[in-house]
């Protein structure tokens, strides 16, 4: 399967939020190339199209970055939750270890 097709399928499954829309960006690049073929008379159109491409690219990158920042926040919360659970278990584990040592010592006698 081609990269473009597989990435679109994956993006659909995740509502496209996590991926750059390469297809739309490629269309913009093709449009710029077509304008450039028209010659110097389309220089201002080429410049406008290039600016639009850069703006669209930044918009895509910002959206993807927002997703990863959100995932990072979620991960920090999850790690904090796991840390608090482990901290609560430490006294229990210490007590269990102590009782195991005592049990083993009484078995030696």
Protein backbone atom coordinates (compact mmCIF):
# COMPACT_ATOMS: atom_id res chain seq x y z
CA UNK A 1 0.00 0.00 0.00
CA UNK A 2 1.32 3.44 -0.86
CA UNK A 3 2.27 5.83 1.92
CA UNK A 4 -0.35 8.41 0.97
CA UNK A 5 -3.17 5.90 0.96
CA UNK A 6 -2.15 4.30 4.26
CA UNK A 7 -1.77 7.67 6.00
CA UNK A 8 -5.24 8.76 4.78
CA UNK A 9 -6.79 5.57 6.12
CA UNK A 10 -5.07 6.07 9.46
CA UNK A 11 -6.10 9.72 9.54
CA UNK A 12 -9.74 8.81 8.93
CA UNK A 13 -9.62 6.44 11.90
CA UNK A 14 -8.31 9.26 14.10
CA UNK A 15 -10.45 11.97 12.47
CA UNK A 16 -7.30 13.36 10.86
CA UNK A 17 -6.44 15.37 13.93
CA UNK A 18 -2.99 13.83 14.38
CA UNK A 19 -1.78 13.95 10.80
CA UNK A 20 -0.66 16.53 8.30
CA UNK A 21 -2.97 16.66 5.29
CA UNK A 22 -0.31 15.90 2.70
CA UNK A 23 -2.81 15.64 -0.13
CA UNK A 24 -4.05 19.21 0.33
CA UNK A 25 -0.49 20.51 0.62
CA UNK A 26 0.54 18.66 -2.54
CA UNK A 27 -2.35 20.29 -4.40
CA UNK A 28 -1.08 23.69 -3.32
CA UNK A 29 2.44 22.84 -4.51
CA UNK A 30 1.10 21.68 -7.86
CA UNK A 31 -0.87 24.90 -8.16
CA UNK A 32 2.30 26.92 -7.53
CA UNK A 33 4.17 24.86 -10.14
CA UNK A 34 1.38 25.44 -12.67
CA UNK A 35 1.50 29.18 -12.02
CA UNK A 36 5.28 29.22 -12.40
CA UNK A 37 4.95 27.54 -15.82
CA UNK A 38 2.83 30.48 -16.99
CA UNK A 39 5.90 32.70 -16.88
CA UNK A 40 6.84 36.03 -15.35
CA UNK A 41 3.37 37.55 -15.85
CA UNK A 42 2.08 35.33 -13.01
CA UNK A 43 4.82 36.29 -10.52
CA UNK A 44 2.41 38.00 -8.12
CA UNK A 45 0.04 35.02 -8.28
CA UNK A 46 2.96 32.69 -7.55
CA UNK A 47 3.95 34.78 -4.55
CA UNK A 48 0.38 34.77 -3.22
CA UNK A 49 0.12 31.01 -3.73
CA UNK A 50 3.43 30.47 -1.93
CA UNK A 51 2.25 32.57 1.00
CA UNK A 52 -0.99 30.60 1.09
CA UNK A 53 0.99 27.34 1.06
CA UNK A 54 3.17 28.46 3.96
CA UNK A 55 0.08 29.55 5.93
CA UNK A 56 -1.63 26.21 5.25
CA UNK A 57 1.51 24.31 6.26
CA UNK A 58 1.78 26.22 9.55
CA UNK A 59 -1.92 25.61 10.21
CA UNK A 60 -1.41 21.86 9.71
CA UNK A 61 1.69 21.81 11.91
CA UNK A 62 -0.04 23.80 14.67
CA UNK A 63 -2.97 21.38 14.66
CA UNK A 64 -0.67 18.36 14.94
CA UNK A 65 1.40 20.06 17.65
CA UNK A 66 -1.79 20.79 19.60
CA UNK A 67 -2.62 17.09 19.50
CA UNK A 68 0.79 16.11 20.86
CA UNK A 69 0.65 18.78 23.57
CA UNK A 70 -2.74 17.38 24.60
CA UNK A 71 -1.34 13.83 24.65
CA UNK A 72 1.59 15.07 26.77
CA UNK A 73 -0.83 16.63 29.29
CA UNK A 74 -2.80 13.38 29.46
CA UNK A 75 0.39 11.40 29.97
CA UNK A 76 1.53 13.68 32.79
CA UNK A 77 -1.81 13.22 34.54
CA UNK A 78 -1.63 9.44 34.09
CA UNK A 79 1.94 9.29 35.42
CA UNK A 80 0.89 11.38 38.43
CA UNK A 81 -1.99 9.00 39.09
CA UNK A 82 0.27 5.94 38.87
CA UNK A 83 2.83 7.64 41.12
CA UNK A 84 0.24 8.36 43.80
CA UNK A 85 -1.03 4.77 43.64
CA UNK A 86 2.50 3.40 43.99
CA UNK A 87 3.23 5.78 46.84
CA UNK A 88 0.11 4.53 48.64
CA UNK A 89 1.23 0.91 48.11
CA UNK A 90 4.77 1.36 49.46
CA UNK A 91 3.83 0.99 53.16
CA UNK A 92 1.80 -2.12 52.36
CA UNK A 93 4.67 -3.62 50.38
CA UNK A 94 7.12 -2.79 53.16
CA UNK A 95 4.85 -4.43 55.74
CA UNK A 96 4.40 -7.47 53.51
CA UNK A 97 8.16 -7.76 53.11
CA UNK A 98 8.68 -7.55 56.87
CA UNK A 99 6.05 -10.20 57.58
CA UNK A 100 7.61 -12.49 54.96
CA UNK A 101 11.04 -12.14 56.58
CA UNK A 102 9.56 -12.91 60.00
CA UNK A 103 7.71 -15.94 58.58
CA UNK A 104 10.88 -17.29 56.99
CA UNK A 105 12.82 -16.85 60.24
CA UNK A 106 10.23 -18.80 62.22
CA UNK A 107 10.35 -21.61 59.64
CA UNK A 108 14.10 -22.02 60.20
CA UNK A 109 13.64 -22.93 63.84
